[in-house]
């Protein structure tokens, strides 16, 4: 045990749950009738339900696990307003620079920026205590040629969003991070981080104040159309309702075969260290920034809300494995970036599914009373909360037109994909190989300053 990376109090659960632990909500029997049923009790579902209830609807939220126990309490808690959307939209637009595609990109960036403003307003307006700080995010450049690519992105990003981004050279980055593993950074000044589980807890209390009722531990087995609406079937009974919202994100395809062809669940992993020795945390991240890398297979890290621990995440494996195995892999990655952490032990490790789409974009949509919101693509804290809010507002107001640039867009599919991500091991391994080749070609110095 003396050589183990695991602390004596190690647990395989999110570190964030110390602030808010997801629970099953109501112990009452399920209602037989509701105006609307929201399937999925994460950020998107609970924000959608809040808007519906604010309009006087009787809303029931159902989740197979504890309310907020999925991705909403498992992420790295980094928040921005358009950075990831721009990156992924440009990937999706490769080969299509038509005026229509460019206008859609501009609208998406504007809306992504609005999502971050909305999130900050909710935190401040509802007094949500979630350790939110706006200290900026560093996109640390994994390879030397990433600097020019990021520099070219910034004029568009700054003109269409509130990102306030600047480039940092490798020497300038030395004032921020205690490692020489990178070739500079893009510094997104209008960005921050929070405790994602505590933020969810605040959103849940906000929803309950509007009259939303939620049940965790209730698996929805089927959604059946009826002459006057829907019947939502569960092992604990059926609910008749007029509208259904699928807010399952990475699991959205479980209840709709068509959606299954558009969403790809990808597992991401995280670890939290024990409290670090005096001063070490601030040597690693000197100004409490969030850090995300420019790799294809991204690693990201930040300090905990109390500034004492490092919380480090990424995609450690592309096949199912134990939390202990992924913790060891992430610990190795962490030490590669900062060798001074070699003797630091792990107190928490966990994983969860990220919802990816084939066009790298979030989506809201619907047909004849059945609506959906999914596809966080790594921007779940801001985008899923805001898109749930926007969908709920749309349904409350009875609007037919799209309410934002992520509403009503075609759902891309692939002829060989039906919901089973059988290709992830090969694709992930290929991307890891490309990342390694980029890094070796750049030949950065290793270690800490």
Protein backbone atom coordinates (compact mmCIF):
# COMPACT_ATOMS: atom_id res chain seq x y z
CA UNK A 1 0.00 0.00 0.00
CA UNK A 2 2.97 2.33 0.57
CA UNK A 3 3.49 2.47 -3.21
CA UNK A 4 -0.20 2.69 -4.11
CA UNK A 5 -1.46 5.81 -5.87
CA UNK A 6 -4.73 5.50 -3.92
CA UNK A 7 -5.25 7.32 -0.62
CA UNK A 8 -6.67 5.34 2.33
CA UNK A 9 -10.00 7.18 1.93
CA UNK A 10 -10.20 6.57 -1.84
CA UNK A 11 -13.70 6.18 -3.30
CA UNK A 12 -14.89 5.52 -6.84
CA UNK A 13 -17.31 8.44 -7.06
CA UNK A 14 -17.17 12.10 -8.14
CA UNK A 15 -15.29 14.44 -5.85
CA UNK A 16 -18.01 17.02 -6.51
CA UNK A 17 -20.57 14.97 -4.59
CA UNK A 18 -19.12 16.25 -1.33
CA UNK A 19 -20.98 19.50 -2.06
CA UNK A 20 -24.21 18.00 -3.44
CA UNK A 21 -24.99 14.28 -3.60
CA UNK A 22 -27.56 13.31 -6.27
CA UNK A 23 -30.68 11.69 -4.85
CA UNK A 24 -33.96 10.16 -5.96
CA UNK A 25 -36.13 13.16 -5.17
CA UNK A 26 -39.79 12.54 -4.44
CA UNK A 27 -40.91 9.41 -2.59
CA UNK A 28 -44.53 9.94 -3.64
CA UNK A 29 -46.23 7.53 -6.06
CA UNK A 30 -45.93 8.53 -9.71
CA UNK A 31 -48.83 10.64 -10.95
CA UNK A 32 -51.24 8.96 -13.34
CA UNK A 33 -51.62 12.14 -15.38
CA UNK A 34 -49.34 15.14 -16.08
CA UNK A 35 -49.24 17.93 -18.60
CA UNK A 36 -45.67 17.00 -19.57
CA UNK A 37 -43.13 14.31 -18.72
CA UNK A 38 -39.43 15.06 -19.01
CA UNK A 39 -37.34 11.91 -19.33
CA UNK A 40 -33.89 12.67 -17.96
CA UNK A 41 -33.23 14.70 -14.83
CA UNK A 42 -29.90 16.34 -15.68
CA UNK A 43 -29.17 19.96 -16.58
CA UNK A 44 -31.27 19.98 -19.75
CA UNK A 45 -34.23 18.14 -18.30
CA UNK A 46 -34.47 20.11 -15.08
CA UNK A 47 -34.08 23.48 -16.86
CA UNK A 48 -36.72 22.54 -19.41
CA UNK A 49 -39.08 21.44 -16.63
CA UNK A 50 -38.49 24.70 -14.76
CA UNK A 51 -39.64 26.76 -17.73
CA UNK A 52 -42.70 24.58 -18.29
CA UNK A 53 -43.70 24.77 -14.63
CA UNK A 54 -43.20 28.55 -14.63
CA UNK A 55 -45.92 28.64 -17.30
CA UNK A 56 -48.34 26.71 -15.09
CA UNK A 57 -47.73 23.21 -16.48
CA UNK A 58 -47.83 20.14 -14.24
CA UNK A 59 -44.45 18.56 -14.98
CA UNK A 60 -42.99 15.22 -13.92
CA UNK A 61 -39.26 14.55 -14.33
CA UNK A 62 -38.15 10.91 -14.45
CA UNK A 63 -34.59 9.59 -14.36
CA UNK A 64 -33.31 6.02 -14.31
CA UNK A 65 -30.63 6.99 -11.79
CA UNK A 66 -30.50 9.61 -9.05
CA UNK A 67 -31.52 13.08 -10.17
CA UNK A 68 -28.34 14.70 -11.46
CA UNK A 69 -26.34 11.51 -10.99
CA UNK A 70 -25.25 11.32 -14.63
CA UNK A 71 -23.09 13.70 -16.64
CA UNK A 72 -24.48 16.76 -14.84
CA UNK A 73 -22.49 15.98 -11.68
CA UNK A 74 -19.50 14.26 -13.30
CA UNK A 75 -17.91 16.79 -15.66
CA UNK A 76 -14.81 18.92 -15.15
CA UNK A 77 -16.99 21.95 -14.48
CA UNK A 78 -15.27 24.20 -17.03
CA UNK A 79 -17.54 26.87 -18.55
CA UNK A 80 -17.07 28.99 -21.66
CA UNK A 81 -19.29 30.74 -24.19
CA UNK A 82 -18.48 29.56 -27.69
CA UNK A 83 -14.92 28.23 -27.76
CA UNK A 84 -15.84 24.57 -28.18
CA UNK A 85 -18.73 25.39 -30.49
CA UNK A 86 -16.42 27.28 -32.84
CA UNK A 87 -13.87 24.47 -32.92
CA UNK A 88 -16.39 21.74 -33.59
CA UNK A 89 -18.44 23.79 -36.04
CA UNK A 90 -15.35 24.46 -38.14
CA UNK A 91 -14.58 20.73 -38.10
CA UNK A 92 -18.10 19.98 -39.28
CA UNK A 93 -17.96 22.68 -41.98
CA UNK A 94 -14.79 21.33 -43.59
CA UNK A 95 -15.40 21.57 -47.33
CA UNK A 96 -18.57 23.65 -46.92
CA UNK A 97 -17.87 27.39 -46.80
CA UNK A 98 -21.13 28.47 -48.38
CA UNK A 99 -22.71 31.75 -47.23
CA UNK A 100 -25.54 29.76 -45.59
CA UNK A 101 -23.08 27.63 -43.60
CA UNK A 102 -21.16 30.72 -42.52
CA UNK A 103 -24.32 32.47 -41.34
CA UNK A 104 -25.33 29.38 -39.36
CA UNK A 105 -21.90 29.30 -37.71
CA UNK A 106 -22.20 32.97 -36.75
CA UNK A 107 -25.64 32.39 -35.24
CA UNK A 108 -24.39 29.37 -33.31
CA UNK A 109 -21.46 31.30 -31.89
CA UNK A 110 -23.76 34.16 -30.88
CA UNK A 111 -26.13 31.73 -29.16
CA UNK A 112 -23.28 29.89 -27.43
CA UNK A 113 -22.12 33.22 -26.04
CA UNK A 114 -25.68 33.91 -24.87
CA UNK A 115 -25.72 30.55 -23.07
CA UNK A 116 -22.77 31.58 -20.90
CA UNK A 117 -24.34 34.95 -20.07
CA UNK A 118 -27.53 33.14 -19.08
CA UNK A 119 -25.64 30.71 -16.85
CA UNK A 120 -23.93 33.56 -14.99
CA UNK A 121 -27.26 35.36 -14.57
CA UNK A 122 -28.87 32.23 -13.08
CA UNK A 123 -25.99 31.65 -10.66
CA UNK A 124 -26.11 35.28 -9.49
CA UNK A 125 -29.88 35.72 -9.58
CA UNK A 126 -30.70 32.53 -7.70
CA UNK A 127 -27.72 32.69 -5.38
CA UNK A 128 -26.40 29.26 -6.39
CA UNK A 129 -23.35 28.44 -4.27
CA UNK A 130 -21.24 26.36 -6.65
CA UNK A 131 -17.70 27.74 -6.30
CA UNK A 132 -18.06 29.62 -9.58
CA UNK A 133 -15.07 31.77 -10.55
CA UNK A 134 -14.39 33.58 -13.80
CA UNK A 135 -10.61 33.28 -13.91
CA UNK A 136 -10.36 32.26 -17.54
CA UNK A 137 -9.40 29.10 -19.40
CA UNK A 138 -6.08 28.17 -20.95
CA UNK A 139 -6.19 26.02 -24.06
CA UNK A 140 -2.67 24.62 -23.73
CA UNK A 141 -1.11 23.93 -27.11
CA UNK A 142 0.03 20.33 -27.48
CA UNK A 143 2.09 20.89 -30.63
CA UNK A 144 4.03 23.84 -32.03
CA UNK A 145 1.89 24.18 -35.16
CA UNK A 146 -1.26 24.54 -33.04
CA UNK A 147 -0.22 28.10 -32.20
CA UNK A 148 -0.81 29.44 -35.72
CA UNK A 149 -4.10 27.57 -36.04
CA UNK A 150 -5.44 29.00 -32.80
CA UNK A 151 -4.19 32.50 -33.59
CA UNK A 152 -6.17 32.39 -36.83
CA UNK A 153 -9.34 31.46 -34.90
CA UNK A 154 -9.29 34.35 -32.45
CA UNK A 155 -10.58 37.25 -34.64
CA UNK A 156 -13.77 35.36 -35.47
CA UNK A 157 -14.16 34.06 -31.90
CA UNK A 158 -13.76 37.51 -30.36
CA UNK A 159 -16.00 39.25 -32.90
CA UNK A 160 -18.92 36.83 -32.47
CA UNK A 161 -18.65 35.90 -28.78
CA UNK A 162 -17.66 37.46 -25.46
CA UNK A 163 -14.60 35.21 -25.18
CA UNK A 164 -12.01 38.02 -24.96
CA UNK A 165 -9.28 35.60 -26.06
CA UNK A 166 -5.57 36.29 -26.55
CA UNK A 167 -2.57 34.15 -27.43
CA UNK A 168 0.18 33.40 -24.91
CA UNK A 169 3.64 32.40 -26.05
CA UNK A 170 5.45 29.57 -24.37
CA UNK A 171 7.37 32.01 -22.18
CA UNK A 172 4.18 33.87 -21.25
CA UNK A 173 2.51 30.57 -20.36
CA UNK A 174 5.32 29.96 -17.87
CA UNK A 175 3.71 32.60 -15.66
CA UNK A 176 0.53 30.52 -15.59
CA UNK A 177 1.44 26.82 -15.46
CA UNK A 178 4.21 24.97 -13.68
CA UNK A 179 5.09 22.77 -16.66
CA UNK A 180 7.05 23.07 -19.89
CA UNK A 181 4.97 20.47 -21.72
CA UNK A 182 3.19 22.97 -23.97
CA UNK A 183 3.93 25.40 -26.81
CA UNK A 184 1.95 28.36 -25.54
CA UNK A 185 -1.79 28.71 -25.06
CA UNK A 186 -4.96 30.45 -26.12
CA UNK A 187 -6.13 32.34 -23.04
CA UNK A 188 -9.94 32.65 -22.98
CA UNK A 189 -10.38 35.42 -20.44
CA UNK A 190 -14.19 35.29 -20.29
CA UNK A 191 -14.40 31.73 -18.99
CA UNK A 192 -14.29 29.96 -15.67
CA UNK A 193 -15.06 26.88 -13.64
CA UNK A 194 -17.52 25.69 -11.02
CA UNK A 195 -18.57 22.65 -9.03
CA UNK A 196 -20.93 20.95 -11.53
CA UNK A 197 -22.80 18.95 -8.89
CA UNK A 198 -23.38 21.96 -6.64
CA UNK A 199 -24.57 23.89 -9.69
CA UNK A 200 -27.01 21.09 -10.47
CA UNK A 201 -28.24 21.13 -6.87
CA UNK A 202 -29.02 24.82 -7.24
CA UNK A 203 -30.90 24.21 -10.49
CA UNK A 204 -32.89 21.42 -8.82
CA UNK A 205 -33.92 23.67 -5.93
CA UNK A 206 -34.86 26.34 -8.46
CA UNK A 207 -37.06 23.83 -10.32
CA UNK A 208 -38.76 22.59 -7.17
CA UNK A 209 -39.56 26.18 -6.21
CA UNK A 210 -41.55 26.38 -9.46
CA UNK A 211 -43.46 23.21 -8.59
CA UNK A 212 -41.49 20.66 -10.62
CA UNK A 213 -41.68 17.12 -9.21
CA UNK A 214 -38.86 14.71 -9.87
CA UNK A 215 -38.38 11.00 -9.39
CA UNK A 216 -35.00 9.31 -9.60
CA UNK A 217 -34.55 5.57 -9.84
CA UNK A 218 -37.42 5.28 -12.32
CA UNK A 219 -36.52 3.69 -15.66
CA UNK A 220 -38.74 4.73 -18.55
CA UNK A 221 -39.20 1.60 -20.64
CA UNK A 222 -41.33 3.00 -23.45
CA UNK A 223 -43.10 6.09 -24.72
CA UNK A 224 -46.30 5.22 -26.58
CA UNK A 225 -48.44 7.59 -28.63
CA UNK A 226 -52.15 7.69 -27.88
CA UNK A 227 -55.05 9.47 -29.53
CA UNK A 228 -54.69 12.45 -27.16
CA UNK A 229 -50.98 12.42 -26.28
CA UNK A 230 -48.61 9.84 -24.82
CA UNK A 231 -48.34 7.08 -22.28
CA UNK A 232 -44.98 6.94 -20.52
CA UNK A 233 -44.36 3.42 -19.23
CA UNK A 234 -42.23 2.58 -16.19
CA UNK A 235 -41.99 -0.40 -13.77
CA UNK A 236 -43.73 1.81 -11.19
CA UNK A 237 -46.73 2.62 -13.38
CA UNK A 238 -47.82 4.64 -16.39
CA UNK A 239 -48.22 8.38 -16.80
CA UNK A 240 -50.56 9.87 -19.40
CA UNK A 241 -49.42 13.23 -20.69
CA UNK A 242 -49.74 15.67 -23.56
CA UNK A 243 -46.01 16.26 -24.17
CA UNK A 244 -42.81 14.29 -23.69
CA UNK A 245 -39.28 15.68 -23.63
CA UNK A 246 -36.32 13.33 -24.05
CA UNK A 247 -33.40 14.95 -22.21
CA UNK A 248 -31.17 11.90 -21.89
CA UNK A 249 -28.13 13.33 -23.71
CA UNK A 250 -25.76 10.37 -24.21
CA UNK A 251 -28.63 7.92 -23.68
CA UNK A 252 -31.15 9.70 -25.91
CA UNK A 253 -31.27 6.84 -28.37
CA UNK A 254 -32.57 4.35 -25.82
CA UNK A 255 -36.18 5.40 -26.34
CA UNK A 256 -36.08 6.49 -29.97
CA UNK A 257 -34.48 4.42 -32.72
CA UNK A 258 -34.06 7.42 -35.00
CA UNK A 259 -32.25 9.45 -32.35
CA UNK A 260 -30.03 6.45 -31.63
CA UNK A 261 -28.47 6.90 -35.07
CA UNK A 262 -27.50 10.50 -34.30
CA UNK A 263 -25.94 10.32 -30.82
CA UNK A 264 -22.63 8.67 -29.88
CA UNK A 265 -21.98 8.13 -26.14
CA UNK A 266 -18.26 8.52 -25.32
CA UNK A 267 -16.99 7.75 -21.85
CA UNK A 268 -14.74 10.28 -20.14
CA UNK A 269 -12.89 9.80 -16.84
CA UNK A 270 -11.66 11.98 -13.97
CA UNK A 271 -9.58 11.84 -10.81
CA UNK A 272 -9.13 14.16 -7.83
CA UNK A 273 -5.95 14.26 -5.80
CA UNK A 274 -5.56 14.43 -2.07
CA UNK A 275 -4.94 17.95 -0.69
CA UNK A 276 -1.59 19.01 -2.12
CA UNK A 277 1.39 20.16 -0.04
CA UNK A 278 1.47 23.84 0.87
CA UNK A 279 2.01 25.99 -2.21
CA UNK A 280 2.17 23.15 -4.74
CA UNK A 281 -1.33 23.68 -6.15
CA UNK A 282 -0.57 27.30 -7.01
CA UNK A 283 2.75 26.34 -8.53
CA UNK A 284 0.93 24.03 -10.95
CA UNK A 285 -1.90 26.48 -11.83
CA UNK A 286 -0.81 29.85 -10.55
CA UNK A 287 -3.94 31.93 -11.16
CA UNK A 288 -6.65 29.30 -10.72
CA UNK A 289 -7.39 29.00 -14.44
CA UNK A 290 -9.18 26.09 -16.06
CA UNK A 291 -6.88 24.18 -18.43
CA UNK A 292 -7.82 22.21 -21.52
CA UNK A 293 -5.41 20.85 -24.12
CA UNK A 294 -5.46 21.20 -27.90
CA UNK A 295 -5.16 17.43 -28.39
CA UNK A 296 -7.69 15.42 -30.35
CA UNK A 297 -8.14 13.20 -27.29
CA UNK A 298 -8.44 16.02 -24.80
CA UNK A 299 -7.09 16.15 -21.28
CA UNK A 300 -8.30 18.91 -18.96
CA UNK A 301 -7.60 19.94 -15.41
CA UNK A 302 -8.16 22.61 -12.77
CA UNK A 303 -7.97 23.19 -9.04
CA UNK A 304 -10.84 22.27 -6.75
CA UNK A 305 -13.02 25.05 -5.38
CA UNK A 306 -10.96 25.30 -2.20
CA UNK A 307 -7.75 25.46 -4.25
CA UNK A 308 -6.20 22.46 -2.49
CA UNK A 309 -6.57 19.61 -5.00
CA UNK A 310 -5.95 19.01 -8.68
CA UNK A 311 -8.91 17.60 -10.60
CA UNK A 312 -7.67 15.95 -13.80
CA UNK A 313 -9.73 14.39 -16.59
CA UNK A 314 -9.69 12.90 -20.06
CA UNK A 315 -10.50 9.82 -22.06
CA UNK A 316 -8.32 7.17 -20.44
CA UNK A 317 -9.80 4.13 -22.19
CA UNK A 318 -12.13 3.55 -25.12
CA UNK A 319 -13.42 0.22 -23.81
CA UNK A 320 -15.23 -0.48 -20.50
CA UNK A 321 -12.85 -0.95 -17.58
CA UNK A 322 -12.67 -0.36 -13.83
CA UNK A 323 -12.44 3.04 -12.15
CA UNK A 324 -9.13 1.94 -10.59
CA UNK A 325 -7.63 1.21 -14.01
CA UNK A 326 -8.69 4.55 -15.47
CA UNK A 327 -7.43 6.30 -12.32
CA UNK A 328 -3.98 4.78 -12.85
CA UNK A 329 -3.93 5.86 -16.48
CA UNK A 330 -4.99 9.42 -15.64
CA UNK A 331 -2.45 9.56 -12.82
CA UNK A 332 0.28 8.69 -15.35
CA UNK A 333 -0.92 11.43 -17.70
CA UNK A 334 -1.00 13.93 -14.84
CA UNK A 335 2.55 13.09 -13.76
CA UNK A 336 3.80 13.30 -17.36
CA UNK A 337 2.69 16.92 -17.39
CA UNK A 338 3.91 17.70 -13.89
CA UNK A 339 6.44 15.20 -12.46
CA UNK A 340 6.26 16.86 -9.03
CA UNK A 341 2.89 15.13 -8.59
CA UNK A 342 4.42 11.64 -8.80
CA UNK A 343 3.94 10.94 -5.09
CA UNK A 344 0.50 12.51 -4.81
CA UNK A 345 -2.34 10.07 -4.12
CA UNK A 346 -5.84 9.87 -5.55
CA UNK A 347 -8.92 10.20 -3.35
CA UNK A 348 -11.65 10.02 -6.03
CA UNK A 349 -12.06 8.57 -9.51
CA UNK A 350 -15.13 8.41 -11.70
CA UNK A 351 -16.41 8.31 -15.25
CA UNK A 352 -19.43 9.24 -17.29
CA UNK A 353 -20.73 9.45 -20.83
CA UNK A 354 -20.33 12.52 -23.01
CA UNK A 355 -22.91 12.84 -25.77
CA UNK A 356 -21.32 13.38 -29.18
CA UNK A 357 -23.17 13.94 -32.45
CA UNK A 358 -22.04 13.30 -36.00
CA UNK A 359 -21.97 17.05 -36.77
CA UNK A 360 -20.34 17.89 -33.39
CA UNK A 361 -23.27 20.17 -32.52
CA UNK A 362 -25.96 20.17 -29.81
CA UNK A 363 -29.55 19.76 -30.98
CA UNK A 364 -33.07 20.49 -29.87
CA UNK A 365 -36.02 19.43 -31.94
CA UNK A 366 -39.28 17.53 -31.95
CA UNK A 367 -42.21 16.11 -33.79
CA UNK A 368 -45.91 15.96 -32.86
CA UNK A 369 -45.53 16.47 -29.12
CA UNK A 370 -42.31 14.46 -28.68
CA UNK A 371 -39.30 16.74 -28.18
CA UNK A 372 -35.61 16.22 -27.48
CA UNK A 373 -32.46 17.98 -26.41
CA UNK A 374 -29.05 16.29 -26.59
CA UNK A 375 -25.48 16.48 -27.85
CA UNK A 376 -23.37 18.38 -25.31
CA UNK A 377 -20.16 17.56 -27.27
CA UNK A 378 -18.07 18.57 -24.26
CA UNK A 379 -19.92 21.81 -23.46
CA UNK A 380 -22.60 20.37 -21.22
CA UNK A 381 -22.64 22.74 -18.25
CA UNK A 382 -23.53 25.79 -20.28
CA UNK A 383 -25.11 24.38 -23.44
CA UNK A 384 -27.33 21.68 -21.94
CA UNK A 385 -28.63 24.00 -19.22
CA UNK A 386 -29.37 26.79 -21.68
CA UNK A 387 -30.83 24.54 -24.39
CA UNK A 388 -33.11 22.89 -21.84
CA UNK A 389 -34.24 26.38 -20.80
CA UNK A 390 -34.79 27.39 -24.43
CA UNK A 391 -36.77 24.26 -25.28
CA UNK A 392 -38.92 24.71 -22.18
CA UNK A 393 -39.59 28.32 -23.12
CA UNK A 394 -40.49 27.28 -26.66
CA UNK A 395 -43.00 24.69 -25.43
CA UNK A 396 -44.41 27.03 -22.80
CA UNK A 397 -45.02 29.76 -25.37
CA UNK A 398 -46.26 27.39 -28.09
CA UNK A 399 -43.73 28.66 -30.62
CA UNK A 400 -43.30 26.69 -33.86
CA UNK A 401 -40.30 28.53 -35.27
CA UNK A 402 -36.75 27.66 -34.15
CA UNK A 403 -35.82 29.52 -30.96
CA UNK A 404 -32.07 29.36 -31.50
CA UNK A 405 -29.45 28.21 -34.01
CA UNK A 406 -29.39 24.71 -32.49
CA UNK A 407 -33.12 24.18 -32.94
CA UNK A 408 -34.59 22.23 -35.84
CA UNK A 409 -31.32 21.52 -37.66
CA UNK A 410 -31.10 18.17 -39.54
CA UNK A 411 -29.76 15.28 -37.49
CA UNK A 412 -26.82 13.74 -39.37
CA UNK A 413 -26.54 9.96 -39.52
CA UNK A 414 -24.16 7.38 -40.89
CA UNK A 415 -25.22 4.34 -42.86
CA UNK A 416 -23.20 2.00 -40.60
CA UNK A 417 -24.20 3.46 -37.24
CA UNK A 418 -27.34 2.41 -35.34
CA UNK A 419 -26.49 3.44 -31.77
CA UNK A 420 -23.70 1.01 -30.87
CA UNK A 421 -20.33 2.86 -30.86
CA UNK A 422 -18.41 -0.23 -32.00
CA UNK A 423 -15.78 1.92 -33.70
CA UNK A 424 -14.64 3.92 -30.65
CA UNK A 425 -11.62 1.77 -29.77
CA UNK A 426 -10.17 2.00 -33.28
CA UNK A 427 -11.01 5.69 -33.71
CA UNK A 428 -9.79 6.67 -30.26
CA UNK A 429 -6.55 4.73 -30.68
CA UNK A 430 -5.96 6.38 -34.05
CA UNK A 431 -6.46 9.87 -32.57
CA UNK A 432 -4.13 9.05 -29.68
CA UNK A 433 -1.49 7.96 -32.19
CA UNK A 434 -1.85 11.26 -34.09
CA UNK A 435 -1.57 13.23 -30.85
CA UNK A 436 1.59 11.35 -29.91
CA UNK A 437 3.11 11.98 -33.36
CA UNK A 438 2.31 15.70 -33.12
CA UNK A 439 3.92 15.91 -29.69
CA UNK A 440 7.07 14.00 -30.67
CA UNK A 441 7.49 16.09 -33.81
CA UNK A 442 7.38 19.26 -31.73
CA UNK A 443 9.94 17.92 -29.19
CA UNK A 444 8.96 20.06 -26.20
CA UNK A 445 11.00 20.11 -23.05
CA UNK A 446 9.48 17.98 -20.31
CA UNK A 447 9.10 18.55 -16.61
CA UNK A 448 8.37 21.50 -14.37
CA UNK A 449 9.98 24.86 -14.20
